[in-house]
Structures are given as C-alpha cells and as structure tokens.
Amino acid sequence: MLLTGRLVYKQEWKHKKVMGNIGHKIHYDIGGCSYNDKCLFQPVRNCYGCIYFHPFIDADHTNVLESIQCEINDLIRLSDGIGVSRNPLIRVHESTKFEIESVIVRCEMQKDGINES
C-alpha cells in the first residue's frame, strides 16, 4: 500500500521540506513536499497520508509516532473522563498512527535493500 510519494534521502531532496508540530514538539527533516500550492492541511500530522509527501529514509519517524501516541493516550483519557469513550477523533488519530507506522516500515525495508513495487 502506497500512502505517500517516493522515499528519498535528506541530502537528495532539494525542494520544500515539511516542518510542523504535534502537541508541544516540533518535527522537521522528516520529508519533503512536492505540492506546488499552499497546502490546506496541517503539516506533519496530515503528511503521512499524502501522495505529495516524500518521507526521508534517514529521518527519525519514530519521534512523530511517539507524539501521535501521546495525543491518542491523552484523547482516550479525556474521552473516558467525560464519558465519551467512542470519541470519533480517536479513530482519526489512530489512522494517522497507522500511516506513520507504514512509512517507518517502508523506510526500514528500503534500508534493508528491499525495493517497493
């Protein structure tokens, strides 16, 4: 399953780079963006499911995953605390988590010499 653009190394990417925050943590040098216009989505959070996002093979995507997981944990705690355990936002965040995990696996495969097809 291909959720993003092609994987590249940081030093090979000469165009716009993605930077943004999740929670209180700023994430940068995670990938490039080939979208020509101004993007209407939130940087980093929405990039992992975007075809214009080109993840850097040598980036630490686990930091982004940890930030999303913290948000999921906080959201579950908050939702349970107010009696809304089926908060639809939890599913949205879990989808983002899956997209990030998929990029991590793709990058690991690329590092191990297993090409995508």
PDB file of N, CA and C in Angstrom:
ATOM      1  N   MET A   1       0.850  -1.174   0.000  1.00  0.00           N
ATOM      2  CA  MET A   1       0.000   0.000   0.000  1.00  0.00           C
ATOM      3  C   MET A   1       0.898   1.241   0.000  1.00  0.00           C
ATOM      4  N   LEU A   2       0.642   2.138  -0.902  1.00  0.00           N
ATOM      5  CA  LEU A   2       1.424   3.354  -1.007  1.00  0.00           C
ATOM      6  C   LEU A   2       0.576   4.525  -0.545  1.00  0.00           C
ATOM      7  N   LEU A   3       0.955   5.124   0.575  1.00  0.00           N
ATOM      8  CA  LEU A   3       0.197   6.240   1.133  1.00  0.00           C
ATOM      9  C   LEU A   3       0.856   7.579   0.844  1.00  0.00           C
ATOM     10  N   THR A   4       2.137   7.547   0.472  1.00  0.00           N
ATOM     11  CA  THR A   4       2.884   8.782   0.256  1.00  0.00           C
ATOM     12  C   THR A   4       3.587   8.717  -1.087  1.00  0.00           C
ATOM     13  N   GLY A   5       4.327   9.775  -1.375  1.00  0.00           N
ATOM     14  CA  GLY A   5       5.186   9.766  -2.549  1.00  0.00           C
ATOM     15  C   GLY A   5       6.391   8.867  -2.305  1.00  0.00           C
ATOM     16  N   ARG A   6       7.353   8.926  -3.204  1.00  0.00           N
ATOM     17  CA  ARG A   6       8.509   8.031  -3.098  1.00  0.00           C
ATOM     18  C   ARG A   6       9.394   8.404  -1.909  1.00  0.00           C
ATOM     19  N   LEU A   7      10.102   7.419  -1.413  1.00  0.00           N
ATOM     20  CA  LEU A   7      11.046   7.627  -0.323  1.00  0.00           C
ATOM     21  C   LEU A   7      12.321   8.232  -0.890  1.00  0.00           C
ATOM     22  N   VAL A   8      12.918   9.170  -0.159  1.00  0.00           N
ATOM     23  CA  VAL A   8      14.168   9.804  -0.585  1.00  0.00           C
ATOM     24  C   VAL A   8      15.067  10.000   0.634  1.00  0.00           C
ATOM     25  N   TYR A   9      16.342  10.222   0.359  1.00  0.00           N
ATOM     26  CA  TYR A   9      17.275  10.584   1.429  1.00  0.00           C
ATOM     27  C   TYR A   9      17.288  12.101   1.583  1.00  0.00           C
ATOM     28  N   LYS A  10      17.522  12.566   2.799  1.00  0.00           N
ATOM     29  CA  LYS A  10      17.514  14.011   3.093  1.00  0.00           C
ATOM     30  C   LYS A  10      18.388  14.794   2.125  1.00  0.00           C
ATOM     31  N   GLN A  11      19.615  14.319   1.925  1.00  0.00           N
ATOM     32  CA  GLN A  11      20.555  15.089   1.107  1.00  0.00           C
ATOM     33  C   GLN A  11      20.149  15.149  -0.359  1.00  0.00           C
ATOM     34  N   GLU A  12      19.280  14.234  -0.803  1.00  0.00           N
ATOM     35  CA  GLU A  12      18.824  14.233  -2.194  1.00  0.00           C
ATOM     36  C   GLU A  12      17.679  15.211  -2.443  1.00  0.00           C
ATOM     37  N   TRP A  13      16.952  15.595  -1.394  1.00  0.00           N
ATOM     38  CA  TRP A  13      15.761  16.429  -1.551  1.00  0.00           C
ATOM     39  C   TRP A  13      16.162  17.898  -1.598  1.00  0.00           C
ATOM     40  N   LYS A  14      15.843  18.572  -2.683  1.00  0.00           N
ATOM     41  CA  LYS A  14      16.241  19.975  -2.876  1.00  0.00           C
ATOM     42  C   LYS A  14      15.052  20.934  -2.891  1.00  0.00           C
ATOM     43  N   HIS A  15      13.887  20.453  -2.535  1.00  0.00           N
ATOM     44  CA  HIS A  15      12.685  21.278  -2.605  1.00  0.00           C
ATOM     45  C   HIS A  15      12.157  21.578  -1.208  1.00  0.00           C
ATOM     46  N   LYS A  16      10.889  21.921  -1.135  1.00  0.00           N
ATOM     47  CA  LYS A  16      10.237  22.282   0.125  1.00  0.00           C
ATOM     48  C   LYS A  16      10.278  21.110   1.107  1.00  0.00           C
ATOM     49  N   LYS A  17      10.644  21.420   2.364  1.00  0.00           N
ATOM     50  CA  LYS A  17      10.673  20.400   3.417  1.00  0.00           C
ATOM     51  C   LYS A  17       9.506  20.611   4.375  1.00  0.00           C
ATOM     52  N   VAL A  18       9.061  19.519   4.959  1.00  0.00           N
ATOM     53  CA  VAL A  18       7.938  19.545   5.893  1.00  0.00           C
ATOM     54  C   VAL A  18       8.441  19.869   7.295  1.00  0.00           C
ATOM     55  N   MET A  19       7.714  20.750   7.967  1.00  0.00           N
ATOM     56  CA  MET A  19       8.005  21.076   9.357  1.00  0.00           C
ATOM     57  C   MET A  19       6.693  21.449  10.035  1.00  0.00           C
ATOM     58  N   GLY A  20       6.511  20.987  11.250  1.00  0.00           N
ATOM     59  CA  GLY A  20       5.303  21.320  11.988  1.00  0.00           C
ATOM     60  C   GLY A  20       5.338  20.708  13.372  1.00  0.00           C
ATOM     61  N   ASN A  21       4.296  20.975  14.122  1.00  0.00           N
ATOM     62  CA  ASN A  21       4.273  20.456  15.488  1.00  0.00           C
ATOM     63  C   ASN A  21       3.117  19.485  15.690  1.00  0.00           C
ATOM     64  N   ILE A  22       3.347  18.573  16.618  1.00  0.00           N
ATOM     65  CA  ILE A  22       2.303  17.705  17.147  1.00  0.00           C
ATOM     66  C   ILE A  22       2.424  17.855  18.650  1.00  0.00           C
ATOM     67  N   GLY A  23       1.365  18.367  19.246  1.00  0.00           N
ATOM     68  CA  GLY A  23       1.444  18.687  20.670  1.00  0.00           C
ATOM     69  C   GLY A  23       2.451  19.802  20.877  1.00  0.00           C
ATOM     70  N   HIS A  24       3.351  19.610  21.808  1.00  0.00           N
ATOM     71  CA  HIS A  24       4.346  20.641  22.115  1.00  0.00           C
ATOM     72  C   HIS A  24       5.676  20.404  21.400  1.00  0.00           C
ATOM     73  N   LYS A  25       5.767  19.366  20.578  1.00  0.00           N
ATOM     74  CA  LYS A  25       7.031  19.013  19.939  1.00  0.00           C
ATOM     75  C   LYS A  25       7.034  19.391  18.462  1.00  0.00           C
ATOM     76  N   ILE A  26       8.108  20.056  18.031  1.00  0.00           N
ATOM     77  CA  ILE A  26       8.273  20.445  16.629  1.00  0.00           C
ATOM     78  C   ILE A  26       9.031  19.330  15.904  1.00  0.00           C
ATOM     79  N   HIS A  27       8.503  18.940  14.748  1.00  0.00           N
ATOM     80  CA  HIS A  27       9.126  17.889  13.937  1.00  0.00           C
ATOM     81  C   HIS A  27       9.583  18.502  12.618  1.00  0.00           C
ATOM     82  N   TYR A  28      10.815  18.228  12.246  1.00  0.00           N
ATOM     83  CA  TYR A  28      11.372  18.739  10.997  1.00  0.00           C
ATOM     84  C   TYR A  28      12.346  17.707  10.437  1.00  0.00           C
ATOM     85  N   ASP A  29      12.756  17.901   9.193  1.00  0.00           N
ATOM     86  CA  ASP A  29      13.633  16.955   8.498  1.00  0.00           C
ATOM     87  C   ASP A  29      13.052  15.546   8.463  1.00  0.00           C
ATOM     88  N   ILE A  30      11.745  15.453   8.281  1.00  0.00           N
ATOM     89  CA  ILE A  30      11.102  14.140   8.192  1.00  0.00           C
ATOM     90  C   ILE A  30      10.752  13.787   6.750  1.00  0.00           C
ATOM     91  N   GLY A  31      10.688  14.806   5.884  1.00  0.00           N
ATOM     92  CA  GLY A  31      10.348  14.556   4.490  1.00  0.00           C
ATOM     93  C   GLY A  31      10.163  15.846   3.720  1.00  0.00           C
ATOM     94  N   GLY A  32       9.958  15.686   2.432  1.00  0.00           N
ATOM     95  CA  GLY A  32       9.734  16.828   1.567  1.00  0.00           C
ATOM     96  C   GLY A  32       8.315  16.833   1.031  1.00  0.00           C
ATOM     97  N   CYS A  33       7.919  17.989   0.520  1.00  0.00           N
ATOM     98  CA  CYS A  33       6.577  18.141  -0.032  1.00  0.00           C
ATOM     99  C   CYS A  33       6.689  18.618  -1.479  1.00  0.00           C
ATOM    100  N   SER A  34       6.022  17.912  -2.381  1.00  0.00           N
ATOM    101  CA  SER A  34       6.065  18.291  -3.796  1.00  0.00           C
ATOM    102  C   SER A  34       4.796  19.014  -4.248  1.00  0.00           C
ATOM    103  N   TYR A  35       3.929  19.371  -3.292  1.00  0.00           N
ATOM    104  CA  TYR A  35       2.707  20.099  -3.645  1.00  0.00           C
ATOM    105  C   TYR A  35       3.090  21.529  -4.002  1.00  0.00           C
ATOM    106  N   ASN A  36       2.615  22.019  -5.136  1.00  0.00           N
ATOM    107  CA  ASN A  36       3.046  23.327  -5.625  1.00  0.00           C
ATOM    108  C   ASN A  36       2.331  24.501  -4.971  1.00  0.00           C
ATOM    109  N   ASP A  37       1.082  24.314  -4.600  1.00  0.00           N
ATOM    110  CA  ASP A  37       0.321  25.402  -3.992  1.00  0.00           C
ATOM    111  C   ASP A  37       0.442  25.355  -2.472  1.00  0.00           C
ATOM    112  N   LYS A  38      -0.208  26.316  -1.821  1.00  0.00           N
ATOM    113  CA  LYS A  38      -0.228  26.306  -0.360  1.00  0.00           C
ATOM    114  C   LYS A  38      -1.139  25.178   0.107  1.00  0.00           C
ATOM    115  N   CYS A  39      -0.600  24.333   0.969  1.00  0.00           N
ATOM    116  CA  CYS A  39      -1.361  23.190   1.466  1.00  0.00           C
ATOM    117  C   CYS A  39      -2.348  23.652   2.535  1.00  0.00           C
ATOM    118  N   LEU A  40      -3.553  23.109   2.484  1.00  0.00           N
ATOM    119  CA  LEU A  40      -4.594  23.481   3.439  1.00  0.00           C
ATOM    120  C   LEU A  40      -4.639  22.558   4.652  1.00  0.00           C
ATOM    121  N   PHE A  41      -3.794  21.541   4.659  1.00  0.00           N
ATOM    122  CA  PHE A  41      -3.790  20.583   5.760  1.00  0.00           C
ATOM    123  C   PHE A  41      -2.702  20.915   6.775  1.00  0.00           C
ATOM    124  N   GLN A  42      -2.782  20.284   7.925  1.00  0.00           N
ATOM    125  CA  GLN A  42      -1.808  20.550   8.979  1.00  0.00           C
ATOM    126  C   GLN A  42      -0.507  19.811   8.683  1.00  0.00           C
ATOM    127  N   PRO A  43       0.607  20.555   8.641  1.00  0.00           N
ATOM    128  CA  PRO A  43       1.897  19.920   8.354  1.00  0.00           C
ATOM    129  C   PRO A  43       2.232  18.842   9.384  1.00  0.00           C
ATOM    130  N   VAL A  44       2.919  17.848   8.949  1.00  0.00           N
ATOM    131  CA  VAL A  44       3.342  16.664   9.695  1.00  0.00           C
ATOM    132  C   VAL A  44       2.155  15.740   9.940  1.00  0.00           C
ATOM    133  N   ARG A  45       1.177  16.180  10.682  1.00  0.00           N
ATOM    134  CA  ARG A  45       0.034  15.332  11.055  1.00  0.00           C
ATOM    135  C   ARG A  45      -0.651  14.727   9.823  1.00  0.00           C
ATOM    136  N   ASN A  46      -0.873  15.509   8.783  1.00  0.00           N
ATOM    137  CA  ASN A  46      -1.581  15.025   7.602  1.00  0.00           C
ATOM    138  C   ASN A  46      -0.656  14.561   6.480  1.00  0.00           C
ATOM    139  N   CYS A  47       0.622  14.795   6.615  1.00  0.00           N
ATOM    140  CA  CYS A  47       1.562  14.453   5.540  1.00  0.00           C
ATOM    141  C   CYS A  47       1.701  12.958   5.309  1.00  0.00           C
ATOM    142  N   TYR A  48       1.652  12.186   6.363  1.00  0.00           N
ATOM    143  CA  TYR A  48       1.916  10.753   6.249  1.00  0.00           C
ATOM    144  C   TYR A  48       0.864  10.002   5.434  1.00  0.00           C
ATOM    145  N   GLY A  49      -0.236  10.638   5.120  1.00  0.00           N
ATOM    146  CA  GLY A  49      -1.250  10.037   4.266  1.00  0.00           C
ATOM    147  C   GLY A  49      -1.392  10.768   2.943  1.00  0.00           C
ATOM    148  N   CYS A  50      -0.394  11.548   2.574  1.00  0.00           N
ATOM    149  CA  CYS A  50      -0.471  12.406   1.388  1.00  0.00           C
ATOM    150  C   CYS A  50       0.494  11.939   0.298  1.00  0.00           C
ATOM    151  N   ILE A  51       0.011  11.915  -0.945  1.00  0.00           N
ATOM    152  CA  ILE A  51       0.864  11.479  -2.056  1.00  0.00           C
ATOM    153  C   ILE A  51       1.965  12.488  -2.387  1.00  0.00           C
ATOM    154  N   TYR A  52       1.835  13.718  -1.916  1.00  0.00           N
ATOM    155  CA  TYR A  52       2.852  14.735  -2.184  1.00  0.00           C
ATOM    156  C   TYR A  52       3.989  14.704  -1.160  1.00  0.00           C
ATOM    157  N   PHE A  53       3.813  13.934  -0.104  1.00  0.00           N
ATOM    158  CA  PHE A  53       4.827  13.819   0.943  1.00  0.00           C
ATOM    159  C   PHE A  53       5.838  12.751   0.543  1.00  0.00           C
ATOM    160  N   HIS A  54       7.114  13.127   0.585  1.00  0.00           N
ATOM    161  CA  HIS A  54       8.205  12.212   0.263  1.00  0.00           C
ATOM    162  C   HIS A  54       9.027  12.001   1.531  1.00  0.00           C
ATOM    163  N   PRO A  55       8.743  10.924   2.259  1.00  0.00           N
ATOM    164  CA  PRO A  55       9.431  10.690   3.528  1.00  0.00           C
ATOM    165  C   PRO A  55      10.934  10.502   3.326  1.00  0.00           C
ATOM    166  N   PHE A  56      11.699  11.049   4.254  1.00  0.00           N
ATOM    167  CA  PHE A  56      13.139  10.847   4.220  1.00  0.00           C
ATOM    168  C   PHE A  56      13.451   9.485   4.832  1.00  0.00           C
ATOM    169  N   ILE A  57      14.189   8.688   4.091  1.00  0.00           N
ATOM    170  CA  ILE A  57      14.551   7.350   4.546  1.00  0.00           C
ATOM    171  C   ILE A  57      15.360   7.428   5.831  1.00  0.00           C
ATOM    172  N   ASP A  58      16.213   8.433   5.920  1.00  0.00           N
ATOM    173  CA  ASP A  58      17.121   8.558   7.057  1.00  0.00           C
ATOM    174  C   ASP A  58      16.580   9.479   8.152  1.00  0.00           C
ATOM    175  N   ALA A  59      15.287   9.719   8.167  1.00  0.00           N
ATOM    176  CA  ALA A  59      14.664  10.545   9.219  1.00  0.00           C
ATOM    177  C   ALA A  59      14.218   9.664  10.376  1.00  0.00           C
ATOM    178  N   ASP A  60      14.017  10.292  11.523  1.00  0.00           N
ATOM    179  CA  ASP A  60      13.538   9.563  12.701  1.00  0.00           C
ATOM    180  C   ASP A  60      12.021   9.736  12.806  1.00  0.00           C
ATOM    181  N   HIS A  61      11.301   8.906  12.100  1.00  0.00           N
ATOM    182  CA  HIS A  61       9.844   8.977  12.103  1.00  0.00           C
ATOM    183  C   HIS A  61       9.249   8.462  13.411  1.00  0.00           C
ATOM    184  N   THR A  62      10.048   7.763  14.198  1.00  0.00           N
ATOM    185  CA  THR A  62       9.536   7.255  15.478  1.00  0.00           C
ATOM    186  C   THR A  62       9.217   8.390  16.441  1.00  0.00           C
ATOM    187  N   ASN A  63       9.910   9.517  16.320  1.00  0.00           N
ATOM    188  CA  ASN A  63       9.576  10.683  17.159  1.00  0.00           C
ATOM    189  C   ASN A  63       8.170  11.187  16.854  1.00  0.00           C
ATOM    190  N   VAL A  64       7.814  11.195  15.575  1.00  0.00           N
ATOM    191  CA  VAL A  64       6.471  11.619  15.174  1.00  0.00           C
ATOM    192  C   VAL A  64       5.446  10.612  15.700  1.00  0.00           C
ATOM    193  N   LEU A  65       5.766   9.338  15.571  1.00  0.00           N
ATOM    194  CA  LEU A  65       4.882   8.283  16.071  1.00  0.00           C
ATOM    195  C   LEU A  65       4.652   8.428  17.577  1.00  0.00           C
ATOM    196  N   GLU A  66       5.706   8.712  18.320  1.00  0.00           N
ATOM    197  CA  GLU A  66       5.578   8.891  19.771  1.00  0.00           C
ATOM    198  C   GLU A  66       4.680  10.078  20.108  1.00  0.00           C
ATOM    199  N   SER A  67       4.805  11.163  19.350  1.00  0.00           N
ATOM    200  CA  SER A  67       3.955  12.336  19.586  1.00  0.00           C
ATOM    201  C   SER A  67       2.487  12.014  19.337  1.00  0.00           C
ATOM    202  N   ILE A  68       2.213  11.297  18.252  1.00  0.00           N
ATOM    203  CA  ILE A  68       0.827  10.912  17.951  1.00  0.00           C
ATOM    204  C   ILE A  68       0.298   9.975  19.024  1.00  0.00           C
ATOM    205  N   GLN A  69       1.129   9.035  19.468  1.00  0.00           N
ATOM    206  CA  GLN A  69       0.687   8.099  20.501  1.00  0.00           C
ATOM    207  C   GLN A  69       0.354   8.835  21.796  1.00  0.00           C
ATOM    208  N   CYS A  70       1.134   9.849  22.140  1.00  0.00           N
ATOM    209  CA  CYS A  70       0.832  10.661  23.334  1.00  0.00           C
ATOM    210  C   CYS A  70      -0.517  11.352  23.186  1.00  0.00           C
ATOM    211  N   GLU A  71      -0.789  11.884  21.988  1.00  0.00           N
ATOM    212  CA  GLU A  71      -2.082  12.527  21.755  1.00  0.00           C
ATOM    213  C   GLU A  71      -3.226  11.520  21.853  1.00  0.00           C
ATOM    214  N   ILE A  72      -3.018  10.326  21.320  1.00  0.00           N
ATOM    215  CA  ILE A  72      -4.050   9.287  21.411  1.00  0.00           C
ATOM    216  C   ILE A  72      -4.320   8.948  22.869  1.00  0.00           C
ATOM    217  N   ASN A  73      -3.260   8.759  23.631  1.00  0.00           N
ATOM    218  CA  ASN A  73      -3.416   8.439  25.059  1.00  0.00           C
ATOM    219  C   ASN A  73      -4.160   9.539  25.801  1.00  0.00           C
ATOM    220  N   ASP A  74      -3.789  10.796  25.525  1.00  0.00           N
ATOM    221  CA  ASP A  74      -4.468  11.929  26.171  1.00  0.00           C
ATOM    222  C   ASP A  74      -5.937  11.986  25.765  1.00  0.00           C
ATOM    223  N   LEU A  75      -6.204  11.747  24.493  1.00  0.00           N
ATOM    224  CA  LEU A  75      -7.572  11.787  23.977  1.00  0.00           C
ATOM    225  C   LEU A  75      -8.430  10.679  24.587  1.00  0.00           C
ATOM    226  N   ILE A  76      -7.866   9.500  24.727  1.00  0.00           N
ATOM    227  CA  ILE A  76      -8.595   8.391  25.359  1.00  0.00           C
ATOM    228  C   ILE A  76      -8.895   8.720  26.816  1.00  0.00           C
ATOM    229  N   ARG A  77      -7.896   9.231  27.511  1.00  0.00           N
ATOM    230  CA  ARG A  77      -8.073   9.604  28.919  1.00  0.00           C
ATOM    231  C   ARG A  77      -9.156  10.673  29.072  1.00  0.00           C
ATOM    232  N   LEU A  78      -9.091  11.695  28.235  1.00  0.00           N
ATOM    233  CA  LEU A  78     -10.072  12.778  28.273  1.00  0.00           C
ATOM    234  C   LEU A  78     -11.468  12.261  27.925  1.00  0.00           C
ATOM    235  N   SER A  79     -11.557  11.471  26.864  1.00  0.00           N
ATOM    236  CA  SER A  79     -12.849  10.943  26.419  1.00  0.00           C
ATOM    237  C   SER A  79     -13.479  10.052  27.480  1.00  0.00           C
ATOM    238  N   ASP A  80     -12.684   9.179  28.070  1.00  0.00           N
ATOM    239  CA  ASP A  80     -13.196   8.320  29.145  1.00  0.00           C
ATOM    240  C   ASP A  80     -13.635   9.147  30.344  1.00  0.00           C
ATOM    241  N   GLY A  81     -12.894  10.213  30.623  1.00  0.00           N
ATOM    242  CA  GLY A  81     -13.202  11.073  31.765  1.00  0.00           C
ATOM    243  C   GLY A  81     -14.522  11.805  31.641  1.00  0.00           C
ATOM    244  N   ILE A  82     -14.934  12.082  30.403  1.00  0.00           N
ATOM    245  CA  ILE A  82     -16.211  12.781  30.206  1.00  0.00           C
ATOM    246  C   ILE A  82     -17.308  11.832  29.728  1.00  0.00           C
ATOM    247  N   GLY A  83     -16.989  10.535  29.710  1.00  0.00           N
ATOM    248  CA  GLY A  83     -17.996   9.536  29.365  1.00  0.00           C
ATOM    249  C   GLY A  83     -18.265   9.370  27.885  1.00  0.00           C
ATOM    250  N   VAL A  84     -17.302   9.727  27.044  1.00  0.00           N
ATOM    251  CA  VAL A  84     -17.459   9.583  25.593  1.00  0.00           C
ATOM    252  C   VAL A  84     -16.337   8.672  25.085  1.00  0.00           C
ATOM    253  N   SER A  85     -16.397   7.425  25.469  1.00  0.00           N
ATOM    254  CA  SER A  85     -15.305   6.508  25.133  1.00  0.00           C
ATOM    255  C   SER A  85     -15.223   6.194  23.638  1.00  0.00           C
ATOM    256  N   ARG A  86     -16.280   6.464  22.893  1.00  0.00           N
ATOM    257  CA  ARG A  86     -16.266   6.228  21.440  1.00  0.00           C
ATOM    258  C   ARG A  86     -16.080   7.536  20.666  1.00  0.00           C
ATOM    259  N   ASN A  87     -15.216   8.369  21.153  1.00  0.00           N
ATOM    260  CA  ASN A  87     -14.919   9.642  20.514  1.00  0.00           C
ATOM    261  C   ASN A  87     -14.363   9.383  19.106  1.00  0.00           C
ATOM    262  N   PRO A  88     -15.000   9.935  18.058  1.00  0.00           N
ATOM    263  CA  PRO A  88     -14.537   9.688  16.685  1.00  0.00           C
ATOM    264  C   PRO A  88     -13.137  10.233  16.414  1.00  0.00           C
ATOM    265  N   LEU A  89     -12.687  11.194  17.195  1.00  0.00           N
ATOM    266  CA  LEU A  89     -11.338  11.726  16.995  1.00  0.00           C
ATOM    267  C   LEU A  89     -10.268  10.679  17.279  1.00  0.00           C
ATOM    268  N   ILE A  90     -10.586   9.725  18.135  1.00  0.00           N
ATOM    269  CA  ILE A  90      -9.619   8.667  18.437  1.00  0.00           C
ATOM    270  C   ILE A  90      -9.313   7.877  17.171  1.00  0.00           C
ATOM    271  N   ARG A  91     -10.343   7.571  16.398  1.00  0.00           N
ATOM    272  CA  ARG A  91     -10.138   6.823  15.139  1.00  0.00           C
ATOM    273  C   ARG A  91      -9.309   7.621  14.139  1.00  0.00           C
ATOM    274  N   VAL A  92      -9.533   8.916  14.074  1.00  0.00           N
ATOM    275  CA  VAL A  92      -8.752   9.766  13.166  1.00  0.00           C
ATOM    276  C   VAL A  92      -7.278   9.706  13.551  1.00  0.00           C
ATOM    277  N   HIS A  93      -7.003   9.852  14.833  1.00  0.00           N
ATOM    278  CA  HIS A  93      -5.619   9.801  15.310  1.00  0.00           C
ATOM    279  C   HIS A  93      -5.007   8.416  15.092  1.00  0.00           C
ATOM    280  N   GLU A  94      -5.799   7.375  15.277  1.00  0.00           N
ATOM    281  CA  GLU A  94      -5.290   6.019  15.051  1.00  0.00           C
ATOM    282  C   GLU A  94      -4.983   5.774  13.579  1.00  0.00           C
ATOM    283  N   SER A  95      -5.741   6.390  12.677  1.00  0.00           N
ATOM    284  CA  SER A  95      -5.439   6.296  11.244  1.00  0.00           C
ATOM    285  C   SER A  95      -4.109   6.969  10.939  1.00  0.00           C
ATOM    286  N   THR A  96      -3.888   8.123  11.549  1.00  0.00           N
ATOM    287  CA  THR A  96      -2.617   8.824  11.379  1.00  0.00           C
ATOM    288  C   THR A  96      -1.474   7.967  11.905  1.00  0.00           C
ATOM    289  N   LYS A  97      -1.692   7.340  13.040  1.00  0.00           N
ATOM    290  CA  LYS A  97      -0.670   6.454  13.619  1.00  0.00           C
ATOM    291  C   LYS A  97      -0.331   5.332  12.639  1.00  0.00           C
ATOM    292  N   PHE A  98      -1.345   4.724  12.025  1.00  0.00           N
ATOM    293  CA  PHE A  98      -1.116   3.656  11.053  1.00  0.00           C
ATOM    294  C   PHE A  98      -0.291   4.160   9.865  1.00  0.00           C
ATOM    295  N   GLU A  99      -0.595   5.366   9.384  1.00  0.00           N
ATOM    296  CA  GLU A  99       0.141   5.931   8.249  1.00  0.00           C
ATOM    297  C   GLU A  99       1.610   6.137   8.602  1.00  0.00           C
ATOM    298  N   ILE A 100       1.876   6.624   9.809  1.00  0.00           N
ATOM    299  CA  ILE A 100       3.258   6.828  10.253  1.00  0.00           C
ATOM    300  C   ILE A 100       3.970   5.483  10.383  1.00  0.00           C
ATOM    301  N   GLU A 101       3.293   4.512  10.978  1.00  0.00           N
ATOM    302  CA  GLU A 101       3.889   3.172  11.108  1.00  0.00           C
ATOM    303  C   GLU A 101       4.208   2.577   9.742  1.00  0.00           C
ATOM    304  N   SER A 102       3.354   2.812   8.768  1.00  0.00           N
ATOM    305  CA  SER A 102       3.584   2.308   7.412  1.00  0.00           C
ATOM    306  C   SER A 102       4.829   2.930   6.793  1.00  0.00           C
ATOM    307  N   VAL A 103       5.018   4.225   7.008  1.00  0.00           N
ATOM    308  CA  VAL A 103       6.217   4.898   6.498  1.00  0.00           C
ATOM    309  C   VAL A 103       7.461   4.336   7.178  1.00  0.00           C
ATOM    310  N   ILE A 104       7.390   4.105   8.470  1.00  0.00           N
ATOM    311  CA  ILE A 104       8.536   3.544   9.197  1.00  0.00           C
ATOM    312  C   ILE A 104       8.920   2.186   8.605  1.00  0.00           C
ATOM    313  N   VAL A 105       7.931   1.343   8.345  1.00  0.00           N
ATOM    314  CA  VAL A 105       8.198   0.020   7.763  1.00  0.00           C
ATOM    315  C   VAL A 105       8.797   0.163   6.367  1.00  0.00           C
ATOM    316  N   ARG A 106       8.238   1.047   5.558  1.00  0.00           N
ATOM    317  CA  ARG A 106       8.770   1.259   4.202  1.00  0.00           C
ATOM    318  C   ARG A 106      10.219   1.722   4.245  1.00  0.00           C
ATOM    319  N   CYS A 107      10.528   2.639   5.159  1.00  0.00           N
ATOM    320  CA  CYS A 107      11.907   3.135   5.282  1.00  0.00           C
ATOM    321  C   CYS A 107      12.847   2.015   5.714  1.00  0.00           C
ATOM    322  N   GLU A 108      12.419   1.198   6.656  1.00  0.00           N
ATOM    323  CA  GLU A 108      13.243   0.070   7.108  1.00  0.00           C
ATOM    324  C   GLU A 108      13.483  -0.914   5.964  1.00  0.00           C
ATOM    325  N   MET A 109      12.457  -1.178   5.183  1.00  0.00           N
ATOM    326  CA  MET A 109      12.609  -2.076   4.037  1.00  0.00           C
ATOM    327  C   MET A 109      13.605  -1.501   3.035  1.00  0.00           C
ATOM    328  N   GLN A 110      13.525  -0.204   2.806  1.00  0.00           N
ATOM    329  CA  GLN A 110      14.439   0.454   1.869  1.00  0.00           C
ATOM    330  C   GLN A 110      15.874   0.369   2.385  1.00  0.00           C
ATOM    331  N   LYS A 111      16.057   0.586   3.679  1.00  0.00           N
ATOM    332  CA  LYS A 111      17.395   0.488   4.280  1.00  0.00           C
ATOM    333  C   LYS A 111      17.942  -0.930   4.172  1.00  0.00           C
ATOM    334  N   ASP A 112      17.053  -1.918   4.258  1.00  0.00           N
ATOM    335  CA  ASP A 112      17.461  -3.324   4.177  1.00  0.00           C
ATOM    336  C   ASP A 112      17.619  -3.804   2.740  1.00  0.00           C
ATOM    337  N   GLY A 113      17.385  -2.911   1.784  1.00  0.00           N
ATOM    338  CA  GLY A 113      17.562  -3.260   0.379  1.00  0.00           C
ATOM    339  C   GLY A 113      16.378  -3.942  -0.264  1.00  0.00           C
ATOM    340  N   ILE A 114      15.227  -3.872   0.375  1.00  0.00           N
ATOM    341  CA  ILE A 114      14.012  -4.453  -0.200  1.00  0.00           C
ATOM    342  C   ILE A 114      13.270  -3.329  -0.909  1.00  0.00           C
ATOM    343  N   ASN A 115      13.212  -3.378  -2.232  1.00  0.00           N
ATOM    344  CA  ASN A 115      12.589  -2.300  -3.005  1.00  0.00           C
ATOM    345  C   ASN A 115      11.080  -2.397  -2.979  1.00  0.00           C
ATOM    346  N   GLU A 116      10.440  -1.233  -3.018  1.00  0.00           N
ATOM    347  CA  GLU A 116       8.980  -1.173  -3.118  1.00  0.00           C
ATOM    348  C   GLU A 116       8.576  -1.477  -4.552  1.00  0.00           C
ATOM    349  N   SER A 117       7.425  -2.073  -4.701  1.00  0.00           N
ATOM    350  CA  SER A 117       6.925  -2.285  -6.065  1.00  0.00           C
ATOM    351  C   SER A 117       5.458  -2.011  -6.137  1.00  0.00           C
TER     352      SER A 117
END
